[in-house]
């Protein structure tokens, strides 16, 4: 399996080279030259495997220059039972009297967010790629985060030999728990910086560093190469394909569905990586009826799916679901590549237009291809709080604000469509990462600001019966180790200082 750029740059890469590279030299994203297929018999056979074995099976289709033994070792280390429990991605039936609604809980890893499903695996894939390709350069993982990717990357790569991790987050654009998880991060090879601005400013800054040719030459001379832990890196995206197949296999095993029965998957979406992994699964053969792309008030994706126009020239909102506060969804580029019949010239033109004018538009044929599987919708903060309460009252399950956006958007889709397909709601984060919003939803507006984090953890735990995860409990008592806040223009300097190269900068 070779990997090529969405923007048509020359050359192709093996899977391990693609993971090392992170992003194509021409600024495009790396995609597989073909999408591998699984027939229904092969999908049904996954029922007899545990999650780790399912992961090896799916990953081997894409990462074919990794040996079976290398994949098995990476998966076993990533999804260790001490980190994730017996089942890393449990499927939960929401109500025994409702045969249509299921929740895929992806927050049982060490940082209590779905990003762990990929970022506990990526360091093992990356270090194996280093060995396979005979490089002796240090790998600097450069990451922009809207909340969860940062902590998951820091935890995944902490003290991994031959790597360094620099994480940037929007200073005012994450929850307090998310911020504390990052700024208290231990590790000899990590640094964290807040950025004045929103996530799009932060992401633009990181992309600018990747595209800085003078910096690349400087780093190369110092024996350092950049890579990414964002889902622009194929090694971050491919592990996410696994859990959609695993959820379907669990539904088959429990006889909730018949083999071949198509399901809906609801994904709260910001940077488009998580729902894109479900799209890839569907194109591999997973029976999917609709993918419901749920946005918050920053509804650029919802509008795009409806009318085919991507327009980032709009007001940016800070919401209760901060990991979705994004106006430039990087992973959409991979979908554009596919719906344009893999036309790199057209994709490059759209990306140039997005950078220059702030927008681009699909033609009617391309839009129909998007809408074959994808349905878009959005939810504001009032709807998010109302939905958290409604889901808790109806099912006894407490969901975080991002997952609540998915439930809200699906509810309105169901009303207007009458779609009775069995539906999996992707639960992306532990509710304890957003205690103020949870308290406001359960006890009334303003409740979350009246008490300390410790009090909120205790109260919500007692109310819901959920245990506060070890990685979150006691955060406010841990020392702050990373307190720098910078403008976007100074992010490059942060990286140079972190790598000990500031004296050689121009």
Protein backbone atom coordinates (compact mmCIF):
# COMPACT_ATOMS: atom_id res chain seq x y z
CA UNK A 1 0.00 0.00 0.00
CA UNK A 2 1.43 3.35 -1.07
CA UNK A 3 0.31 6.77 0.13
CA UNK A 4 -0.07 9.84 -2.06
CA UNK A 5 -0.76 13.54 -1.50
CA UNK A 6 -4.24 14.99 -1.88
CA UNK A 7 -2.62 17.89 -3.75
CA UNK A 8 -0.71 15.83 -6.28
CA UNK A 9 2.88 16.22 -5.18
CA UNK A 10 5.34 13.86 -6.78
CA UNK A 11 6.25 10.58 -5.16
CA UNK A 12 4.53 8.08 -2.95
CA UNK A 13 5.23 6.67 0.47
CA UNK A 14 4.94 3.40 2.32
CA UNK A 15 2.70 3.37 5.37
CA UNK A 16 5.61 3.76 7.78
CA UNK A 17 7.03 6.62 5.70
CA UNK A 18 3.62 8.31 5.65
CA UNK A 19 3.42 8.10 9.44
CA UNK A 20 6.92 9.52 9.80
CA UNK A 21 6.17 12.28 7.28
CA UNK A 22 2.93 13.35 8.92
CA UNK A 23 2.02 15.72 6.08
CA UNK A 24 2.97 15.74 2.40
CA UNK A 25 5.78 18.07 1.29
CA UNK A 26 3.32 20.02 -0.90
CA UNK A 27 1.09 20.73 2.13
CA UNK A 28 -1.46 18.09 1.19
CA UNK A 29 -2.61 15.19 3.34
CA UNK A 30 -1.42 11.65 2.69
CA UNK A 31 -4.08 9.13 1.68
CA UNK A 32 -3.93 5.46 0.69
CA UNK A 33 -3.71 4.85 -3.04
CA UNK A 34 -6.74 2.59 -2.68
CA UNK A 35 -9.28 1.79 0.03
CA UNK A 36 -9.06 -1.87 1.07
CA UNK A 37 -12.24 -3.94 1.21
CA UNK A 38 -13.81 -6.30 3.74
CA UNK A 39 -16.74 -8.48 2.72
CA UNK A 40 -19.61 -9.33 5.06
CA UNK A 41 -18.13 -12.69 5.99
CA UNK A 42 -14.89 -11.02 7.05
CA UNK A 43 -16.77 -8.37 9.04
CA UNK A 44 -18.86 -11.04 10.77
CA UNK A 45 -15.68 -12.93 11.66
CA UNK A 46 -14.63 -9.96 13.79
CA UNK A 47 -17.29 -11.01 16.31
CA UNK A 48 -15.02 -13.81 17.52
CA UNK A 49 -12.12 -11.44 18.24
CA UNK A 50 -11.43 -9.07 21.11
CA UNK A 51 -10.78 -5.38 20.42
CA UNK A 52 -7.03 -5.77 20.20
CA UNK A 53 -7.26 -8.55 17.61
CA UNK A 54 -9.82 -6.58 15.63
CA UNK A 55 -7.41 -3.65 15.61
CA UNK A 56 -4.57 -5.77 14.22
CA UNK A 57 -6.88 -7.11 11.50
CA UNK A 58 -8.01 -3.67 10.31
CA UNK A 59 -4.65 -1.97 10.69
CA UNK A 60 -2.89 -4.67 8.68
CA UNK A 61 -4.96 -3.71 5.63
CA UNK A 62 -3.48 -0.22 5.62
CA UNK A 63 -0.10 -0.65 7.32
CA UNK A 64 1.16 -3.46 5.16
CA UNK A 65 4.86 -2.73 5.59
CA UNK A 66 4.48 -3.47 9.30
CA UNK A 67 4.76 -7.15 10.16
CA UNK A 68 2.01 -8.98 12.01
CA UNK A 69 4.30 -9.23 15.04
CA UNK A 70 5.02 -5.47 14.96
CA UNK A 71 1.33 -4.61 14.83
CA UNK A 72 0.46 -7.07 17.58
CA UNK A 73 3.15 -5.65 19.85
CA UNK A 74 2.09 -2.06 19.16
CA UNK A 75 -1.58 -2.81 19.80
CA UNK A 76 -0.90 -4.79 22.98
CA UNK A 77 1.24 -1.96 24.38
CA UNK A 78 -1.21 0.75 23.35
CA UNK A 79 -4.38 -0.86 24.67
CA UNK A 80 -2.90 -2.32 27.84
CA UNK A 81 -5.61 -3.35 30.29
CA UNK A 82 -4.17 -1.07 32.98
CA UNK A 83 -4.78 1.91 30.69
CA UNK A 84 -8.12 1.00 29.12
CA UNK A 85 -9.67 -1.83 31.09
CA UNK A 86 -10.81 -5.09 29.55
CA UNK A 87 -12.61 -3.47 26.61
CA UNK A 88 -11.05 -0.24 25.26
CA UNK A 89 -14.19 0.75 23.32
CA UNK A 90 -17.33 -0.68 24.97
CA UNK A 91 -20.67 -0.52 23.20
CA UNK A 92 -23.54 0.33 25.56
CA UNK A 93 -27.24 -0.14 24.93
CA UNK A 94 -28.80 3.04 26.26
CA UNK A 95 -32.14 1.62 27.33
CA UNK A 96 -33.20 -2.02 27.42
CA UNK A 97 -36.63 -1.03 26.14
CA UNK A 98 -35.23 0.86 23.15
CA UNK A 99 -33.66 -1.40 20.49
CA UNK A 100 -32.45 1.47 18.31
CA UNK A 101 -29.96 3.52 20.36
CA UNK A 102 -26.42 2.52 21.36
CA UNK A 103 -23.43 4.46 22.61
CA UNK A 104 -19.80 3.74 21.75
CA UNK A 105 -17.80 4.89 24.77
CA UNK A 106 -14.36 6.01 23.61
CA UNK A 107 -13.20 7.76 26.78
CA UNK A 108 -11.86 4.90 28.90
CA UNK A 109 -8.18 5.64 28.16
CA UNK A 110 -5.67 7.48 30.34
CA UNK A 111 -6.74 11.02 29.38
CA UNK A 112 -10.50 10.29 29.28
CA UNK A 113 -11.07 11.26 25.65
CA UNK A 114 -11.47 9.39 22.37
CA UNK A 115 -8.10 10.73 21.20
CA UNK A 116 -6.47 8.06 23.40
CA UNK A 117 -7.72 5.39 20.99
CA UNK A 118 -5.21 6.67 18.42
CA UNK A 119 -2.63 8.52 20.47
CA UNK A 120 -1.75 5.59 22.69
CA UNK A 121 -1.01 3.63 19.50
CA UNK A 122 0.71 6.30 17.40
CA UNK A 123 3.96 6.43 19.43
CA UNK A 124 4.47 2.70 18.88
CA UNK A 125 3.70 3.00 15.17
CA UNK A 126 6.05 5.97 14.90
CA UNK A 127 8.99 4.44 16.76
CA UNK A 128 8.62 1.28 14.68
CA UNK A 129 8.59 3.45 11.54
CA UNK A 130 11.82 5.09 12.68
CA UNK A 131 13.49 1.68 12.95
CA UNK A 132 12.06 0.45 9.66
CA UNK A 133 13.31 3.45 7.75
CA UNK A 134 16.72 3.64 9.37
CA UNK A 135 16.49 7.26 10.45
CA UNK A 136 18.53 8.47 13.38
CA UNK A 137 16.88 11.87 13.56
CA UNK A 138 14.93 13.02 16.59
CA UNK A 139 11.19 13.25 15.92
CA UNK A 140 9.50 16.42 17.17
CA UNK A 141 5.74 15.92 17.42
CA UNK A 142 4.09 19.27 16.77
CA UNK A 143 0.42 19.47 17.73
CA UNK A 144 -2.38 22.02 17.77
CA UNK A 145 -5.25 21.08 20.04
CA UNK A 146 -8.80 22.24 20.64
CA UNK A 147 -8.74 20.43 23.97
CA UNK A 148 -8.30 16.66 23.93
CA UNK A 149 -5.60 15.89 21.34
CA UNK A 150 -3.00 17.85 23.29
CA UNK A 151 -3.21 15.89 26.53
CA UNK A 152 -3.54 12.59 24.67
CA UNK A 153 -0.41 13.37 22.63
CA UNK A 154 1.52 14.47 25.70
CA UNK A 155 0.59 11.34 27.58
CA UNK A 156 1.17 9.04 24.62
CA UNK A 157 4.63 10.37 23.78
CA UNK A 158 5.80 11.23 27.30
CA UNK A 159 9.40 10.07 27.73
CA UNK A 160 9.32 8.01 24.52
CA UNK A 161 12.99 7.78 23.43
CA UNK A 162 13.90 9.74 20.30
CA UNK A 163 10.84 11.99 20.44
CA UNK A 164 9.90 15.45 21.66
CA UNK A 165 6.34 16.80 21.94
CA UNK A 166 5.27 20.44 21.59
CA UNK A 167 1.57 21.15 22.13
CA UNK A 168 -0.20 24.45 21.44
CA UNK A 169 -3.73 25.20 22.64
CA UNK A 170 -5.98 28.30 22.38
CA UNK A 171 -5.49 30.08 25.70
CA UNK A 172 -9.19 30.76 26.29
CA UNK A 173 -10.57 27.96 24.12
CA UNK A 174 -10.48 24.81 26.27
CA UNK A 175 -12.24 23.72 29.44
CA UNK A 176 -10.49 24.24 32.76
CA UNK A 177 -10.02 20.50 33.18
CA UNK A 178 -8.51 20.21 29.70
CA UNK A 179 -6.16 23.11 30.43
CA UNK A 180 -5.04 21.65 33.75
CA UNK A 181 -4.44 18.27 32.15
CA UNK A 182 -1.97 19.89 29.76
CA UNK A 183 -0.22 22.47 31.92
CA UNK A 184 0.47 19.94 34.70
CA UNK A 185 1.89 17.36 32.28
CA UNK A 186 5.07 15.69 33.43
CA UNK A 187 7.77 14.34 31.12
CA UNK A 188 11.30 15.19 30.12
CA UNK A 189 10.46 15.61 26.44
CA UNK A 190 7.28 17.72 26.50
CA UNK A 191 6.34 21.39 26.33
CA UNK A 192 2.98 23.15 26.27
CA UNK A 193 2.06 26.71 25.29
CA UNK A 194 -1.20 28.63 25.21
CA UNK A 195 -1.82 30.72 22.11
CA UNK A 196 -3.66 34.03 22.15
CA UNK A 197 -6.56 33.42 19.78
CA UNK A 198 -8.82 30.54 18.86
CA UNK A 199 -8.09 27.02 17.64
CA UNK A 200 -7.97 28.08 14.00
CA UNK A 201 -5.23 30.59 14.88
CA UNK A 202 -3.37 27.82 16.72
CA UNK A 203 -3.79 25.32 13.88
CA UNK A 204 -2.71 27.91 11.30
CA UNK A 205 0.42 28.57 13.34
CA UNK A 206 1.32 24.88 13.45
CA UNK A 207 0.69 24.48 9.72
CA UNK A 208 2.92 27.49 9.12
CA UNK A 209 5.74 25.84 11.05
CA UNK A 210 5.36 22.67 8.97
CA UNK A 211 5.51 24.75 5.79
CA UNK A 212 8.53 26.85 6.86
CA UNK A 213 11.31 25.65 4.54
CA UNK A 214 14.05 27.65 6.29
CA UNK A 215 13.06 26.10 9.59
CA UNK A 216 12.97 22.64 8.04
CA UNK A 217 16.54 23.08 6.82
CA UNK A 218 17.61 24.30 10.25
CA UNK A 219 16.01 21.35 11.98
CA UNK A 220 17.45 18.91 9.45
CA UNK A 221 20.93 20.24 10.12
CA UNK A 222 20.32 19.66 13.82
CA UNK A 223 19.12 16.10 13.23
CA UNK A 224 15.45 16.82 13.92
CA UNK A 225 12.37 16.16 11.81
CA UNK A 226 8.83 17.33 12.45
CA UNK A 227 5.80 15.06 12.56
CA UNK A 228 2.25 15.53 13.75
CA UNK A 229 -0.06 13.95 16.29
CA UNK A 230 -3.08 15.68 14.78
CA UNK A 231 -5.32 13.62 12.55
CA UNK A 232 -3.62 15.16 9.51
CA UNK A 233 -1.17 12.29 10.22
CA UNK A 234 -2.51 9.06 8.74
CA UNK A 235 -1.12 7.21 11.77
CA UNK A 236 -3.54 9.17 13.93
CA UNK A 237 -6.53 8.57 11.69
CA UNK A 238 -6.23 4.88 10.82
CA UNK A 239 -6.67 3.57 14.42
CA UNK A 240 -10.00 5.39 14.54
CA UNK A 241 -11.36 3.29 11.68
CA UNK A 242 -11.07 0.24 13.93
CA UNK A 243 -13.65 1.15 16.53
CA UNK A 244 -16.46 1.61 14.01
CA UNK A 245 -15.93 -1.97 12.83
CA UNK A 246 -15.66 -3.10 16.44
CA UNK A 247 -18.98 -1.48 17.36
CA UNK A 248 -20.69 -3.22 14.45
CA UNK A 249 -19.14 -6.55 15.47
CA UNK A 250 -20.38 -6.06 19.04
CA UNK A 251 -23.89 -5.36 17.76
CA UNK A 252 -23.79 -8.52 15.67
CA UNK A 253 -22.44 -10.57 18.55
CA UNK A 254 -25.22 -9.40 20.87
CA UNK A 255 -27.80 -10.02 18.09
CA UNK A 256 -28.90 -6.39 18.09
CA UNK A 257 -28.64 -6.41 14.29
CA UNK A 258 -28.58 -8.95 11.47
CA UNK A 259 -25.47 -9.40 9.30
CA UNK A 260 -25.51 -6.76 6.57
CA UNK A 261 -27.99 -4.52 8.38
CA UNK A 262 -27.01 -0.89 7.87
CA UNK A 263 -26.59 1.36 10.89
CA UNK A 264 -26.35 5.09 11.50
CA UNK A 265 -23.30 6.57 13.23
CA UNK A 266 -23.57 9.93 14.98
CA UNK A 267 -20.31 11.82 15.46
CA UNK A 268 -19.81 15.21 17.13
CA UNK A 269 -17.37 16.84 14.77
CA UNK A 270 -14.87 19.69 14.67
CA UNK A 271 -11.76 18.86 12.65
CA UNK A 272 -13.60 16.10 10.71
CA UNK A 273 -11.18 13.30 11.60
CA UNK A 274 -13.48 11.13 13.70
CA UNK A 275 -16.36 11.12 11.24
CA UNK A 276 -13.94 10.69 8.33
CA UNK A 277 -12.74 7.46 9.94
CA UNK A 278 -16.36 6.26 9.90
CA UNK A 279 -16.59 7.30 6.24
CA UNK A 280 -13.51 5.21 5.43
CA UNK A 281 -15.03 2.26 7.30
CA UNK A 282 -18.17 2.54 5.20
CA UNK A 283 -16.16 2.62 1.97
CA UNK A 284 -14.31 -0.50 3.13
CA UNK A 285 -17.61 -2.35 3.34
CA UNK A 286 -19.07 -1.56 6.76
CA UNK A 287 -22.88 -1.39 6.32
CA UNK A 288 -23.65 2.27 7.05
CA UNK A 289 -26.91 3.99 6.24
CA UNK A 290 -26.09 7.56 7.31
CA UNK A 291 -23.27 9.39 9.06
CA UNK A 292 -24.72 12.22 11.13
CA UNK A 293 -22.16 15.03 11.36
CA UNK A 294 -23.05 17.05 14.46
CA UNK A 295 -21.67 20.58 14.87
CA UNK A 296 -22.01 23.16 17.62
CA UNK A 297 -22.73 26.83 16.92
CA UNK A 298 -19.58 26.93 14.75
CA UNK A 299 -21.60 25.17 12.06
CA UNK A 300 -19.29 25.49 9.06
CA UNK A 301 -19.45 21.73 8.41
CA UNK A 302 -23.22 21.56 8.79
CA UNK A 303 -23.63 24.35 6.23
CA UNK A 304 -21.13 22.70 3.89
CA UNK A 305 -22.96 19.37 3.91
CA UNK A 306 -26.23 21.15 3.21
CA UNK A 307 -25.17 23.46 0.37
CA UNK A 308 -21.67 22.45 -0.75
CA UNK A 309 -20.11 25.79 0.16
CA UNK A 310 -17.31 25.85 2.71
CA UNK A 311 -17.06 29.38 4.09
CA UNK A 312 -14.91 30.17 7.11
CA UNK A 313 -15.70 33.89 6.89
CA UNK A 314 -18.07 33.97 9.83
CA UNK A 315 -18.16 34.82 13.50
CA UNK A 316 -16.30 32.42 15.77
CA UNK A 317 -18.10 31.27 18.92
CA UNK A 318 -16.69 29.88 22.14
CA UNK A 319 -19.07 27.17 23.24
CA UNK A 320 -19.62 24.53 25.92
CA UNK A 321 -18.16 21.97 23.50
CA UNK A 322 -14.75 23.60 22.93
CA UNK A 323 -13.11 20.71 21.08
CA UNK A 324 -15.51 21.49 18.23
CA UNK A 325 -14.86 25.24 18.18
CA UNK A 326 -13.22 25.08 14.76
CA UNK A 327 -13.85 26.91 11.48
CA UNK A 328 -11.18 25.21 9.33
CA UNK A 329 -11.66 21.43 9.40
CA UNK A 330 -8.37 20.04 8.13
CA UNK A 331 -9.46 16.45 7.51
CA UNK A 332 -12.20 17.49 5.12
CA UNK A 333 -9.45 17.69 2.49
CA UNK A 334 -9.28 13.88 2.38
CA UNK A 335 -13.02 13.64 1.69
CA UNK A 336 -12.72 16.30 -1.02
CA UNK A 337 -10.05 14.21 -2.68
CA UNK A 338 -12.41 11.23 -2.84
CA UNK A 339 -15.59 13.03 -3.98
CA UNK A 340 -13.66 14.84 -6.74
CA UNK A 341 -12.59 11.50 -8.27
CA UNK A 342 -9.18 11.96 -6.64
CA UNK A 343 -8.43 15.11 -8.59
CA UNK A 344 -5.44 16.73 -6.84
CA UNK A 345 -5.55 19.84 -9.01
CA UNK A 346 -9.10 20.53 -7.95
CA UNK A 347 -8.29 19.87 -4.27
CA UNK A 348 -5.26 22.16 -4.40
CA UNK A 349 -7.44 24.84 -5.96
CA UNK A 350 -10.05 24.54 -3.22
CA UNK A 351 -7.36 24.81 -0.53
CA UNK A 352 -5.80 27.84 -2.22
CA UNK A 353 -9.24 29.45 -2.40
CA UNK A 354 -9.89 28.68 1.28
CA UNK A 355 -6.60 30.29 2.27
CA UNK A 356 -6.98 33.28 -0.03
CA UNK A 357 -10.69 34.02 -0.17
CA UNK A 358 -11.90 32.07 2.82
CA UNK A 359 -14.26 29.82 0.90
CA UNK A 360 -14.75 27.31 -1.90
CA UNK A 361 -17.71 25.51 -3.46
CA UNK A 362 -18.43 22.03 -4.81
CA UNK A 363 -20.30 21.36 -8.01
CA UNK A 364 -23.68 19.53 -7.85
CA UNK A 365 -22.17 16.09 -8.60
CA UNK A 366 -19.58 16.43 -5.85
CA UNK A 367 -22.20 17.66 -3.39
CA UNK A 368 -24.43 14.65 -4.12
CA UNK A 369 -21.48 12.37 -3.35
CA UNK A 370 -21.01 14.10 0.00
CA UNK A 371 -24.70 13.78 0.80
CA UNK A 372 -24.88 10.07 -0.09
CA UNK A 373 -23.72 9.26 3.43
CA UNK A 374 -23.41 12.50 5.36
CA UNK A 375 -26.16 14.44 7.10
CA UNK A 376 -25.28 17.69 8.86
CA UNK A 377 -26.85 19.52 11.76
CA UNK A 378 -25.91 21.84 14.61
CA UNK A 379 -26.84 22.59 18.20
CA UNK A 380 -26.34 25.70 20.35
CA UNK A 381 -25.33 25.77 24.01
CA UNK A 382 -28.89 25.92 25.31
CA UNK A 383 -29.71 22.81 23.31
CA UNK A 384 -26.56 21.13 24.58
CA UNK A 385 -27.47 21.65 28.24
CA UNK A 386 -31.06 20.60 27.67
CA UNK A 387 -29.91 17.43 25.91
CA UNK A 388 -27.47 16.45 28.69
CA UNK A 389 -30.39 16.59 31.12
CA UNK A 390 -32.81 14.81 28.78
CA UNK A 391 -30.42 11.92 28.08
CA UNK A 392 -29.69 11.53 31.78
CA UNK A 393 -33.39 11.55 32.71
CA UNK A 394 -34.29 9.13 29.92
CA UNK A 395 -31.42 6.66 30.07
CA UNK A 396 -29.46 7.25 33.31
CA UNK A 397 -26.37 7.90 31.17
CA UNK A 398 -24.42 11.10 31.70
CA UNK A 399 -22.82 12.47 28.52
CA UNK A 400 -20.33 15.27 27.97
CA UNK A 401 -21.28 18.42 25.97
CA UNK A 402 -19.77 17.16 22.70
CA UNK A 403 -21.64 13.86 22.81
CA UNK A 404 -24.78 15.80 23.76
CA UNK A 405 -24.48 17.82 20.54
CA UNK A 406 -24.60 14.52 18.65
CA UNK A 407 -27.75 13.39 20.45
CA UNK A 408 -29.44 16.73 19.86
CA UNK A 409 -28.69 16.82 16.14
CA UNK A 410 -29.76 13.19 15.72
CA UNK A 411 -33.06 13.84 17.52
CA UNK A 412 -34.05 16.49 15.01
CA UNK A 413 -32.83 14.35 12.11
CA UNK A 414 -35.02 11.50 13.34
CA UNK A 415 -38.08 13.74 13.59
CA UNK A 416 -37.83 14.97 10.04
CA UNK A 417 -36.61 11.73 8.41
CA UNK A 418 -38.41 8.96 10.29
CA UNK A 419 -35.18 6.93 9.86
CA UNK A 420 -35.50 3.77 11.98
CA UNK A 421 -31.99 2.39 11.41
CA UNK A 422 -30.17 1.27 14.55
CA UNK A 423 -27.91 4.11 15.62
CA UNK A 424 -24.53 4.30 17.35
CA UNK A 425 -23.71 7.55 19.16
CA UNK A 426 -19.97 8.13 19.42
CA UNK A 427 -19.23 9.32 22.98
CA UNK A 428 -16.04 11.32 22.70
CA UNK A 429 -15.13 12.41 26.24
CA UNK A 430 -15.70 11.66 29.90
CA UNK A 431 -18.31 13.98 31.47
CA UNK A 432 -15.85 14.90 34.26
CA UNK A 433 -13.77 16.87 31.75
CA UNK A 434 -16.63 19.41 31.57
CA UNK A 435 -17.98 19.61 35.11
CA UNK A 436 -19.25 23.20 34.89
CA UNK A 437 -21.44 22.40 31.89
CA UNK A 438 -22.64 19.15 33.49
CA UNK A 439 -23.55 20.98 36.71
CA UNK A 440 -25.40 23.68 34.77
CA UNK A 441 -27.34 21.00 32.90
CA UNK A 442 -28.26 18.97 35.98
CA UNK A 443 -28.77 21.69 38.60
CA UNK A 444 -29.49 24.89 36.69
CA UNK A 445 -27.59 27.76 35.04
CA UNK A 446 -24.66 29.07 37.06
CA UNK A 447 -24.40 25.98 39.25
CA UNK A 448 -21.00 25.07 37.83
CA UNK A 449 -19.38 28.35 38.92
CA UNK A 450 -20.47 28.11 42.53
CA UNK A 451 -18.22 25.22 43.56
CA UNK A 452 -14.64 24.04 43.25
CA UNK A 453 -13.61 21.28 40.86
CA UNK A 454 -13.24 18.91 43.78
CA UNK A 455 -16.78 19.63 44.97
CA UNK A 456 -18.18 19.25 41.45
CA UNK A 457 -16.37 15.95 40.92
CA UNK A 458 -17.79 14.60 44.19
CA UNK A 459 -21.32 15.85 43.56
CA UNK A 460 -21.53 14.62 39.96
CA UNK A 461 -19.98 11.28 40.89
CA UNK A 462 -22.54 10.75 43.64
CA UNK A 463 -25.38 11.81 41.35
CA UNK A 464 -24.40 9.63 38.38
CA UNK A 465 -22.62 6.70 39.98
CA UNK A 466 -19.60 7.32 37.74
CA UNK A 467 -16.12 7.26 39.26
CA UNK A 468 -13.84 10.22 38.66
CA UNK A 469 -11.02 8.92 36.41
CA UNK A 470 -7.56 8.84 38.02
CA UNK A 471 -6.16 11.15 35.35
CA UNK A 472 -8.64 13.88 36.32
CA UNK A 473 -9.02 13.53 40.08
CA UNK A 474 -6.85 16.00 41.99
CA UNK A 475 -5.84 18.03 38.94
CA UNK A 476 -6.23 21.35 40.72
CA UNK A 477 -3.69 20.27 43.34
CA UNK A 478 -0.95 19.38 40.86
CA UNK A 479 1.83 21.89 40.14
CA UNK A 480 1.65 23.89 36.92
CA UNK A 481 4.72 22.99 34.87
CA UNK A 482 3.93 24.85 31.63
CA UNK A 483 2.77 28.47 31.93
CA UNK A 484 3.89 30.15 28.71
CA UNK A 485 1.33 32.00 26.57
CA UNK A 486 2.36 33.40 23.19
CA UNK A 487 1.03 35.06 20.07
CA UNK A 488 0.68 32.94 16.96
CA UNK A 489 3.67 34.68 15.40
CA UNK A 490 5.91 33.45 18.23
CA UNK A 491 5.02 29.75 18.08
CA UNK A 492 8.07 29.04 15.92
CA UNK A 493 10.30 30.51 18.65
CA UNK A 494 8.71 28.22 21.23
CA UNK A 495 9.65 25.19 19.14
CA UNK A 496 13.23 26.40 18.64
CA UNK A 497 13.72 27.10 22.35
CA UNK A 498 12.24 23.74 23.25
CA UNK A 499 14.69 21.99 20.94
CA UNK A 500 17.62 24.06 22.20
CA UNK A 501 18.12 25.75 18.83
CA UNK A 502 17.23 29.37 19.64
CA UNK A 503 20.82 30.53 19.33
CA UNK A 504 20.98 29.27 15.73
CA UNK A 505 17.76 30.95 14.62
CA UNK A 506 17.95 33.67 12.01
